[in-house]
Amino acid sequence: MSEQKWVELSQKTEHLVSEYKKIKKERDDFKKEIEELQKQTTKLVRTSKEEMLLKERIKVLEKDKQIVREKVKTLIKILKEKHLFNNLTSTTE
């Protein structure tokens, strides 16, 4: 091969190596971006699950609150029937 062909081949090789490095860097950047997005997605899913659990807990607490209210109403009714409720309120004042 002539010297000029070697020079051309060398230049093409350098160009290809340079292009390869650019593409590799872009690929690595994309990998990092994908990893970050996966982390964010995992965090969002975890947060969503926690939110769902908290909503369920709130529902349970609301039911408990309603049950306690009913029990208090029933207790007041019983005490009133036995004329104890008025005595209790007047002694606590």
PDB file of N, CA and C in Angstrom:
ATOM      1  N   MET A   1       0.835  -1.177   0.000  1.00  0.00           N
ATOM      2  CA  MET A   1       0.000   0.000   0.000  1.00  0.00           C
ATOM      3  C   MET A   1       0.880   1.241   0.000  1.00  0.00           C
ATOM      4  N   SER A   2       0.358   2.247  -0.662  1.00  0.00           N
ATOM      5  CA  SER A   2       1.136   3.485  -0.706  1.00  0.00           C
ATOM      6  C   SER A   2       0.999   4.244   0.610  1.00  0.00           C
ATOM      7  N   GLU A   3       1.916   5.144   0.790  1.00  0.00           N
ATOM      8  CA  GLU A   3       1.922   5.917   2.036  1.00  0.00           C
ATOM      9  C   GLU A   3       0.655   6.753   2.171  1.00  0.00           C
ATOM     10  N   GLN A   4       0.163   7.268   1.064  1.00  0.00           N
ATOM     11  CA  GLN A   4      -1.053   8.085   1.109  1.00  0.00           C
ATOM     12  C   GLN A   4      -2.247   7.243   1.551  1.00  0.00           C
ATOM     13  N   LYS A   5      -2.319   6.020   1.087  1.00  0.00           N
ATOM     14  CA  LYS A   5      -3.419   5.130   1.500  1.00  0.00           C
ATOM     15  C   LYS A   5      -3.347   4.880   3.006  1.00  0.00           C
ATOM     16  N   TRP A   6      -2.131   4.702   3.516  1.00  0.00           N
ATOM     17  CA  TRP A   6      -1.955   4.494   4.958  1.00  0.00           C
ATOM     18  C   TRP A   6      -2.411   5.725   5.740  1.00  0.00           C
ATOM     19  N   VAL A   7      -2.082   6.867   5.242  1.00  0.00           N
ATOM     20  CA  VAL A   7      -2.475   8.121   5.905  1.00  0.00           C
ATOM     21  C   VAL A   7      -3.998   8.237   5.904  1.00  0.00           C
ATOM     22  N   GLU A   8      -4.617   7.976   4.758  1.00  0.00           N
ATOM     23  CA  GLU A   8      -6.082   8.040   4.667  1.00  0.00           C
ATOM     24  C   GLU A   8      -6.729   7.030   5.615  1.00  0.00           C
ATOM     25  N   LEU A   9      -6.182   5.836   5.597  1.00  0.00           N
ATOM     26  CA  LEU A   9      -6.712   4.793   6.469  1.00  0.00           C
ATOM     27  C   LEU A   9      -6.552   5.181   7.940  1.00  0.00           C
ATOM     28  N   SER A  10      -5.436   5.753   8.274  1.00  0.00           N
ATOM     29  CA  SER A  10      -5.174   6.197   9.638  1.00  0.00           C
ATOM     30  C   SER A  10      -6.150   7.305  10.042  1.00  0.00           C
ATOM     31  N   GLN A  11      -6.395   8.235   9.143  1.00  0.00           N
ATOM     32  CA  GLN A  11      -7.336   9.325   9.427  1.00  0.00           C
ATOM     33  C   GLN A  11      -8.760   8.786   9.615  1.00  0.00           C
ATOM     34  N   LYS A  12      -9.148   7.865   8.759  1.00  0.00           N
ATOM     35  CA  LYS A  12     -10.482   7.263   8.882  1.00  0.00           C
ATOM     36  C   LYS A  12     -10.616   6.518  10.204  1.00  0.00           C
ATOM     37  N   THR A  13      -9.542   5.827  10.560  1.00  0.00           N
ATOM     38  CA  THR A  13      -9.550   5.087  11.821  1.00  0.00           C
ATOM     39  C   THR A  13      -9.686   6.039  13.000  1.00  0.00           C
ATOM     40  N   GLU A  14      -8.935   7.116  12.980  1.00  0.00           N
ATOM     41  CA  GLU A  14      -9.027   8.118  14.051  1.00  0.00           C
ATOM     42  C   GLU A  14     -10.437   8.701  14.127  1.00  0.00           C
ATOM     43  N   HIS A  15     -10.994   8.980  12.964  1.00  0.00           N
ATOM     44  CA  HIS A  15     -12.356   9.518  12.920  1.00  0.00           C
ATOM     45  C   HIS A  15     -13.353   8.512  13.514  1.00  0.00           C
ATOM     46  N   LEU A  16     -13.206   7.260  13.129  1.00  0.00           N
ATOM     47  CA  LEU A  16     -14.106   6.223  13.646  1.00  0.00           C
ATOM     48  C   LEU A  16     -13.949   6.044  15.154  1.00  0.00           C
ATOM     49  N   VAL A  17     -12.716   6.087  15.626  1.00  0.00           N
ATOM     50  CA  VAL A  17     -12.465   5.972  17.066  1.00  0.00           C
ATOM     51  C   VAL A  17     -13.108   7.148  17.795  1.00  0.00           C
ATOM     52  N   SER A  18     -12.971   8.324  17.224  1.00  0.00           N
ATOM     53  CA  SER A  18     -13.574   9.520  17.819  1.00  0.00           C
ATOM     54  C   SER A  18     -15.105   9.383  17.863  1.00  0.00           C
ATOM     55  N   GLU A  19     -15.695   8.936  16.779  1.00  0.00           N
ATOM     56  CA  GLU A  19     -17.148   8.726  16.730  1.00  0.00           C
ATOM     57  C   GLU A  19     -17.579   7.664  17.745  1.00  0.00           C
ATOM     58  N   TYR A  20     -16.798   6.602  17.832  1.00  0.00           N
ATOM     59  CA  TYR A  20     -17.102   5.544  18.798  1.00  0.00           C
ATOM     60  C   TYR A  20     -17.113   6.100  20.219  1.00  0.00           C
ATOM     61  N   LYS A  21     -16.118   6.923  20.546  1.00  0.00           N
ATOM     62  CA  LYS A  21     -16.037   7.499  21.890  1.00  0.00           C
ATOM     63  C   LYS A  21     -17.239   8.397  22.181  1.00  0.00           C
ATOM     64  N   LYS A  22     -17.655   9.178  21.178  1.00  0.00           N
ATOM     65  CA  LYS A  22     -18.837  10.036  21.352  1.00  0.00           C
ATOM     66  C   LYS A  22     -20.082   9.189  21.622  1.00  0.00           C
ATOM     67  N   ILE A  23     -20.235   8.164  20.796  1.00  0.00           N
ATOM     68  CA  ILE A  23     -21.407   7.292  20.936  1.00  0.00           C
ATOM     69  C   ILE A  23     -21.381   6.574  22.280  1.00  0.00           C
ATOM     70  N   LYS A  24     -20.223   6.119  22.685  1.00  0.00           N
ATOM     71  CA  LYS A  24     -20.084   5.438  23.980  1.00  0.00           C
ATOM     72  C   LYS A  24     -20.437   6.382  25.126  1.00  0.00           C
ATOM     73  N   LYS A  25     -19.982   7.621  25.036  1.00  0.00           N
ATOM     74  CA  LYS A  25     -20.298   8.606  26.074  1.00  0.00           C
ATOM     75  C   LYS A  25     -21.809   8.863  26.125  1.00  0.00           C
ATOM     76  N   GLU A  26     -22.420   9.028  24.959  1.00  0.00           N
ATOM     77  CA  GLU A  26     -23.875   9.229  24.915  1.00  0.00           C
ATOM     78  C   GLU A  26     -24.600   8.034  25.530  1.00  0.00           C
ATOM     79  N   ARG A  27     -24.137   6.847  25.195  1.00  0.00           N
ATOM     80  CA  ARG A  27     -24.749   5.633  25.742  1.00  0.00           C
ATOM     81  C   ARG A  27     -24.621   5.607  27.263  1.00  0.00           C
ATOM     82  N   ASP A  28     -23.440   5.928  27.756  1.00  0.00           N
ATOM     83  CA  ASP A  28     -23.223   5.962  29.206  1.00  0.00           C
ATOM     84  C   ASP A  28     -24.106   7.017  29.868  1.00  0.00           C
ATOM     85  N   ASP A  29     -24.233   8.172  29.217  1.00  0.00           N
ATOM     86  CA  ASP A  29     -25.110   9.223  29.743  1.00  0.00           C
ATOM     87  C   ASP A  29     -26.560   8.742  29.791  1.00  0.00           C
ATOM     88  N   PHE A  30     -26.989   8.052  28.735  1.00  0.00           N
ATOM     89  CA  PHE A  30     -28.347   7.515  28.708  1.00  0.00           C
ATOM     90  C   PHE A  30     -28.547   6.477  29.809  1.00  0.00           C
ATOM     91  N   LYS A  31     -27.546   5.650  30.017  1.00  0.00           N
ATOM     92  CA  LYS A  31     -27.633   4.646  31.086  1.00  0.00           C
ATOM     93  C   LYS A  31     -27.820   5.320  32.441  1.00  0.00           C
ATOM     94  N   LYS A  32     -27.029   6.363  32.680  1.00  0.00           N
ATOM     95  CA  LYS A  32     -27.140   7.096  33.948  1.00  0.00           C
ATOM     96  C   LYS A  32     -28.526   7.727  34.086  1.00  0.00           C
ATOM     97  N   GLU A  33     -28.997   8.295  33.005  1.00  0.00           N
ATOM     98  CA  GLU A  33     -30.319   8.925  33.025  1.00  0.00           C
ATOM     99  C   GLU A  33     -31.410   7.884  33.293  1.00  0.00           C
ATOM    100  N   ILE A  34     -31.288   6.738  32.659  1.00  0.00           N
ATOM    101  CA  ILE A  34     -32.257   5.659  32.869  1.00  0.00           C
ATOM    102  C   ILE A  34     -32.213   5.182  34.311  1.00  0.00           C
ATOM    103  N   GLU A  35     -31.028   5.020  34.861  1.00  0.00           N
ATOM    104  CA  GLU A  35     -30.898   4.600  36.262  1.00  0.00           C
ATOM    105  C   GLU A  35     -31.550   5.610  37.197  1.00  0.00           C
ATOM    106  N   GLU A  36     -31.338   6.880  36.926  1.00  0.00           N
ATOM    107  CA  GLU A  36     -31.933   7.933  37.761  1.00  0.00           C
ATOM    108  C   GLU A  36     -33.462   7.897  37.657  1.00  0.00           C
ATOM    109  N   LEU A  37     -33.954   7.716  36.449  1.00  0.00           N
ATOM    110  CA  LEU A  37     -35.406   7.624  36.256  1.00  0.00           C
ATOM    111  C   LEU A  37     -35.978   6.397  36.966  1.00  0.00           C
ATOM    112  N   GLN A  38     -35.250   5.299  36.935  1.00  0.00           N
ATOM    113  CA  GLN A  38     -35.699   4.099  37.639  1.00  0.00           C
ATOM    114  C   GLN A  38     -35.754   4.342  39.142  1.00  0.00           C
ATOM    115  N   LYS A  39     -34.760   5.043  39.673  1.00  0.00           N
ATOM    116  CA  LYS A  39     -34.755   5.372  41.103  1.00  0.00           C
ATOM    117  C   LYS A  39     -35.958   6.241  41.452  1.00  0.00           C
ATOM    118  N   GLN A  40     -36.211   7.242  40.616  1.00  0.00           N
ATOM    119  CA  GLN A  40     -37.347   8.132  40.861  1.00  0.00           C
ATOM    120  C   GLN A  40     -38.663   7.363  40.787  1.00  0.00           C
ATOM    121  N   THR A  41     -38.758   6.459  39.815  1.00  0.00           N
ATOM    122  CA  THR A  41     -39.968   5.659  39.669  1.00  0.00           C
ATOM    123  C   THR A  41     -40.178   4.786  40.898  1.00  0.00           C
ATOM    124  N   THR A  42     -39.112   4.159  41.364  1.00  0.00           N
ATOM    125  CA  THR A  42     -39.191   3.320  42.560  1.00  0.00           C
ATOM    126  C   THR A  42     -39.644   4.153  43.754  1.00  0.00           C
ATOM    127  N   LYS A  43     -39.090   5.335  43.874  1.00  0.00           N
ATOM    128  CA  LYS A  43     -39.452   6.224  44.979  1.00  0.00           C
ATOM    129  C   LYS A  43     -40.926   6.625  44.889  1.00  0.00           C
ATOM    130  N   LEU A  44     -41.377   6.933  43.678  1.00  0.00           N
ATOM    131  CA  LEU A  44     -42.782   7.305  43.492  1.00  0.00           C
ATOM    132  C   LEU A  44     -43.715   6.149  43.817  1.00  0.00           C
ATOM    133  N   VAL A  45     -43.335   4.958  43.394  1.00  0.00           N
ATOM    134  CA  VAL A  45     -44.157   3.783  43.677  1.00  0.00           C
ATOM    135  C   VAL A  45     -44.226   3.556  45.183  1.00  0.00           C
ATOM    136  N   ARG A  46     -43.092   3.681  45.861  1.00  0.00           N
ATOM    137  CA  ARG A  46     -43.046   3.514  47.313  1.00  0.00           C
ATOM    138  C   ARG A  46     -43.939   4.563  47.983  1.00  0.00           C
ATOM    139  N   THR A  47     -43.821   5.806  47.535  1.00  0.00           N
ATOM    140  CA  THR A  47     -44.621   6.895  48.092  1.00  0.00           C
ATOM    141  C   THR A  47     -46.104   6.633  47.849  1.00  0.00           C
ATOM    142  N   SER A  48     -46.418   6.152  46.674  1.00  0.00           N
ATOM    143  CA  SER A  48     -47.809   5.854  46.343  1.00  0.00           C
ATOM    144  C   SER A  48     -48.358   4.750  47.246  1.00  0.00           C
ATOM    145  N   LYS A  49     -47.555   3.724  47.493  1.00  0.00           N
ATOM    146  CA  LYS A  49     -47.979   2.638  48.380  1.00  0.00           C
ATOM    147  C   LYS A  49     -48.182   3.155  49.796  1.00  0.00           C
ATOM    148  N   GLU A  50     -47.266   4.004  50.254  1.00  0.00           N
ATOM    149  CA  GLU A  50     -47.387   4.577  51.596  1.00  0.00           C
ATOM    150  C   GLU A  50     -48.655   5.423  51.699  1.00  0.00           C
ATOM    151  N   GLU A  51     -48.929   6.182  50.650  1.00  0.00           N
ATOM    152  CA  GLU A  51     -50.127   7.016  50.638  1.00  0.00           C
ATOM    153  C   GLU A  51     -51.380   6.146  50.703  1.00  0.00           C
ATOM    154  N   MET A  52     -51.367   5.061  49.948  1.00  0.00           N
ATOM    155  CA  MET A  52     -52.502   4.148  49.950  1.00  0.00           C
ATOM    156  C   MET A  52     -52.702   3.544  51.346  1.00  0.00           C
ATOM    157  N   LEU A  53     -51.616   3.144  51.986  1.00  0.00           N
ATOM    158  CA  LEU A  53     -51.702   2.585  53.336  1.00  0.00           C
ATOM    159  C   LEU A  53     -52.223   3.620  54.327  1.00  0.00           C
ATOM    160  N   LEU A  54     -51.770   4.849  54.188  1.00  0.00           N
ATOM    161  CA  LEU A  54     -52.251   5.911  55.071  1.00  0.00           C
ATOM    162  C   LEU A  54     -53.744   6.164  54.868  1.00  0.00           C
ATOM    163  N   LYS A  55     -54.188   6.129  53.630  1.00  0.00           N
ATOM    164  CA  LYS A  55     -55.621   6.313  53.358  1.00  0.00           C
ATOM    165  C   LYS A  55     -56.435   5.197  53.998  1.00  0.00           C
ATOM    166  N   GLU A  56     -55.924   3.978  53.902  1.00  0.00           N
ATOM    167  CA  GLU A  56     -56.613   2.850  54.538  1.00  0.00           C
ATOM    168  C   GLU A  56     -56.660   3.030  56.053  1.00  0.00           C
ATOM    169  N   ARG A  57     -55.562   3.477  56.612  1.00  0.00           N
ATOM    170  CA  ARG A  57     -55.494   3.713  58.061  1.00  0.00           C
ATOM    171  C   ARG A  57     -56.490   4.798  58.478  1.00  0.00           C
ATOM    172  N   ILE A  58     -56.607   5.837  57.672  1.00  0.00           N
ATOM    173  CA  ILE A  58     -57.565   6.908  57.953  1.00  0.00           C
ATOM    174  C   ILE A  58     -58.988   6.358  57.933  1.00  0.00           C
ATOM    175  N   LYS A  59     -59.287   5.498  56.968  1.00  0.00           N
ATOM    176  CA  LYS A  59     -60.624   4.896  56.907  1.00  0.00           C
ATOM    177  C   LYS A  59     -60.924   4.114  58.179  1.00  0.00           C
ATOM    178  N   VAL A  60     -59.943   3.329  58.619  1.00  0.00           N
ATOM    179  CA  VAL A  60     -60.117   2.537  59.839  1.00  0.00           C
ATOM    180  C   VAL A  60     -60.332   3.459  61.037  1.00  0.00           C
ATOM    181  N   LEU A  61     -59.552   4.513  61.119  1.00  0.00           N
ATOM    182  CA  LEU A  61     -59.687   5.458  62.233  1.00  0.00           C
ATOM    183  C   LEU A  61     -61.042   6.167  62.195  1.00  0.00           C
ATOM    184  N   GLU A  62     -61.517   6.487  61.015  1.00  0.00           N
ATOM    185  CA  GLU A  62     -62.839   7.113  60.892  1.00  0.00           C
ATOM    186  C   GLU A  62     -63.932   6.157  61.382  1.00  0.00           C
ATOM    187  N   LYS A  63     -63.801   4.888  61.025  1.00  0.00           N
ATOM    188  CA  LYS A  63     -64.770   3.893  61.503  1.00  0.00           C
ATOM    189  C   LYS A  63     -64.703   3.784  63.024  1.00  0.00           C
ATOM    190  N   ASP A  64     -63.480   3.721  63.552  1.00  0.00           N
ATOM    191  CA  ASP A  64     -63.308   3.658  65.010  1.00  0.00           C
ATOM    192  C   ASP A  64     -63.921   4.883  65.679  1.00  0.00           C
ATOM    193  N   LYS A  65     -63.719   6.025  65.090  1.00  0.00           N
ATOM    194  CA  LYS A  65     -64.262   7.276  65.630  1.00  0.00           C
ATOM    195  C   LYS A  65     -65.788   7.207  65.673  1.00  0.00           C
ATOM    196  N   GLN A  66     -66.370   6.703  64.615  1.00  0.00           N
ATOM    197  CA  GLN A  66     -67.831   6.589  64.556  1.00  0.00           C
ATOM    198  C   GLN A  66     -68.333   5.609  65.618  1.00  0.00           C
ATOM    199  N   ILE A  67     -67.625   4.514  65.789  1.00  0.00           N
ATOM    200  CA  ILE A  67     -68.009   3.519  66.801  1.00  0.00           C
ATOM    201  C   ILE A  67     -67.943   4.141  68.192  1.00  0.00           C
ATOM    202  N   VAL A  68     -66.889   4.875  68.469  1.00  0.00           N
ATOM    203  CA  VAL A  68     -66.740   5.524  69.779  1.00  0.00           C
ATOM    204  C   VAL A  68     -67.863   6.533  69.989  1.00  0.00           C
ATOM    205  N   ARG A  69     -68.206   7.295  68.969  1.00  0.00           N
ATOM    206  CA  ARG A  69     -69.313   8.261  69.081  1.00  0.00           C
ATOM    207  C   ARG A  69     -70.617   7.557  69.438  1.00  0.00           C
ATOM    208  N   GLU A  70     -70.863   6.462  68.753  1.00  0.00           N
ATOM    209  CA  GLU A  70     -72.096   5.718  69.026  1.00  0.00           C
ATOM    210  C   GLU A  70     -72.104   5.191  70.459  1.00  0.00           C
ATOM    211  N   LYS A  71     -70.970   4.700  70.903  1.00  0.00           N
ATOM    212  CA  LYS A  71     -70.885   4.188  72.276  1.00  0.00           C
ATOM    213  C   LYS A  71     -71.096   5.308  73.289  1.00  0.00           C
ATOM    214  N   VAL A  72     -70.523   6.471  73.027  1.00  0.00           N
ATOM    215  CA  VAL A  72     -70.700   7.613  73.932  1.00  0.00           C
ATOM    216  C   VAL A  72     -72.168   8.033  73.954  1.00  0.00           C
ATOM    217  N   LYS A  73     -72.790   8.095  72.792  1.00  0.00           N
ATOM    218  CA  LYS A  73     -74.216   8.449  72.736  1.00  0.00           C
ATOM    219  C   LYS A  73     -75.045   7.455  73.534  1.00  0.00           C
ATOM    220  N   THR A  74     -74.733   6.183  73.347  1.00  0.00           N
ATOM    221  CA  THR A  74     -75.465   5.145  74.075  1.00  0.00           C
ATOM    222  C   THR A  74     -75.238   5.286  75.575  1.00  0.00           C
ATOM    223  N   LEU A  75     -74.017   5.524  75.963  1.00  0.00           N
ATOM    224  CA  LEU A  75     -73.692   5.690  77.380  1.00  0.00           C
ATOM    225  C   LEU A  75     -74.417   6.899  77.968  1.00  0.00           C
ATOM    226  N   ILE A  76     -74.424   8.007  77.258  1.00  0.00           N
ATOM    227  CA  ILE A  76     -75.133   9.204  77.733  1.00  0.00           C
ATOM    228  C   ILE A  76     -76.622   8.916  77.855  1.00  0.00           C
ATOM    229  N   LYS A  77     -77.153   8.214  76.886  1.00  0.00           N
ATOM    230  CA  LYS A  77     -78.582   7.874  76.922  1.00  0.00           C
ATOM    231  C   LYS A  77     -78.890   7.030  78.157  1.00  0.00           C
ATOM    232  N   ILE A  78     -78.062   6.037  78.415  1.00  0.00           N
ATOM    233  CA  ILE A  78     -78.267   5.164  79.579  1.00  0.00           C
ATOM    234  C   ILE A  78     -78.149   5.976  80.865  1.00  0.00           C
ATOM    235  N   LEU A  79     -77.141   6.828  80.932  1.00  0.00           N
ATOM    236  CA  LEU A  79     -76.956   7.650  82.131  1.00  0.00           C
ATOM    237  C   LEU A  79     -78.128   8.609  82.333  1.00  0.00           C
ATOM    238  N   LYS A  80     -78.628   9.167  81.246  1.00  0.00           N
ATOM    239  CA  LYS A  80     -79.781  10.069  81.362  1.00  0.00           C
ATOM    240  C   LYS A  80     -81.000   9.314  81.867  1.00  0.00           C
ATOM    241  N   GLU A  81     -81.169   8.116  81.344  1.00  0.00           N
ATOM    242  CA  GLU A  81     -82.316   7.314  81.782  1.00  0.00           C
ATOM    243  C   GLU A  81     -82.240   7.024  83.272  1.00  0.00           C
ATOM    244  N   LYS A  82     -81.041   6.868  83.756  1.00  0.00           N
ATOM    245  CA  LYS A  82     -80.877   6.565  85.184  1.00  0.00           C
ATOM    246  C   LYS A  82     -80.652   7.843  85.995  1.00  0.00           C
ATOM    247  N   HIS A  83     -80.809   8.976  85.334  1.00  0.00           N
ATOM    248  CA  HIS A  83     -80.661  10.289  85.966  1.00  0.00           C
ATOM    249  C   HIS A  83     -79.271  10.486  86.561  1.00  0.00           C
ATOM    250  N   LEU A  84     -78.295   9.844  85.972  1.00  0.00           N
ATOM    251  CA  LEU A  84     -76.926  10.004  86.464  1.00  0.00           C
ATOM    252  C   LEU A  84     -76.151  11.046  85.653  1.00  0.00           C
ATOM    253  N   PHE A  85     -76.570  11.215  84.434  1.00  0.00           N
ATOM    254  CA  PHE A  85     -75.823  12.129  83.562  1.00  0.00           C
ATOM    255  C   PHE A  85     -75.873  13.555  84.093  1.00  0.00           C
ATOM    256  N   ASN A  86     -77.038  14.013  84.494  1.00  0.00           N
ATOM    257  CA  ASN A  86     -77.167  15.377  85.017  1.00  0.00           C
ATOM    258  C   ASN A  86     -76.351  15.541  86.290  1.00  0.00           C
ATOM    259  N   ASN A  87     -76.325  14.516  87.118  1.00  0.00           N
ATOM    260  CA  ASN A  87     -75.527  14.584  88.341  1.00  0.00           C
ATOM    261  C   ASN A  87     -74.035  14.659  88.016  1.00  0.00           C
ATOM    262  N   LEU A  88     -73.627  13.905  87.015  1.00  0.00           N
ATOM    263  CA  LEU A  88     -72.210  13.915  86.620  1.00  0.00           C
ATOM    264  C   LEU A  88     -71.798  15.284  86.098  1.00  0.00           C
ATOM    265  N   THR A  89     -72.616  15.865  85.257  1.00  0.00           N
ATOM    266  CA  THR A  89     -72.240  17.158  84.673  1.00  0.00           C
ATOM    267  C   THR A  89     -72.245  18.250  85.722  1.00  0.00           C
ATOM    268  N   SER A  90     -73.141  18.188  86.661  1.00  0.00           N
ATOM    269  CA  SER A  90     -73.169  19.245  87.680  1.00  0.00           C
ATOM    270  C   SER A  90     -72.006  19.107  88.661  1.00  0.00           C
ATOM    271  N   THR A  91     -71.549  17.886  88.939  1.00  0.00           N
ATOM    272  CA  THR A  91     -70.418  17.713  89.859  1.00  0.00           C
ATOM    273  C   THR A  91     -69.087  18.037  89.195  1.00  0.00           C
ATOM    274  N   THR A  92     -69.010  17.888  87.905  1.00  0.00           N
ATOM    275  CA  THR A  92     -67.744  18.182  87.225  1.00  0.00           C
ATOM    276  C   THR A  92     -67.563  19.669  87.014  1.00  0.00           C
ATOM    277  N   GLU A  93     -68.608  20.428  87.081  1.00  0.00           N
ATOM    278  CA  GLU A  93     -68.508  21.878  86.845  1.00  0.00           C
ATOM    279  C   GLU A  93     -67.967  22.626  87.985  1.00  0.00           C
TER     280      GLU A  93
END
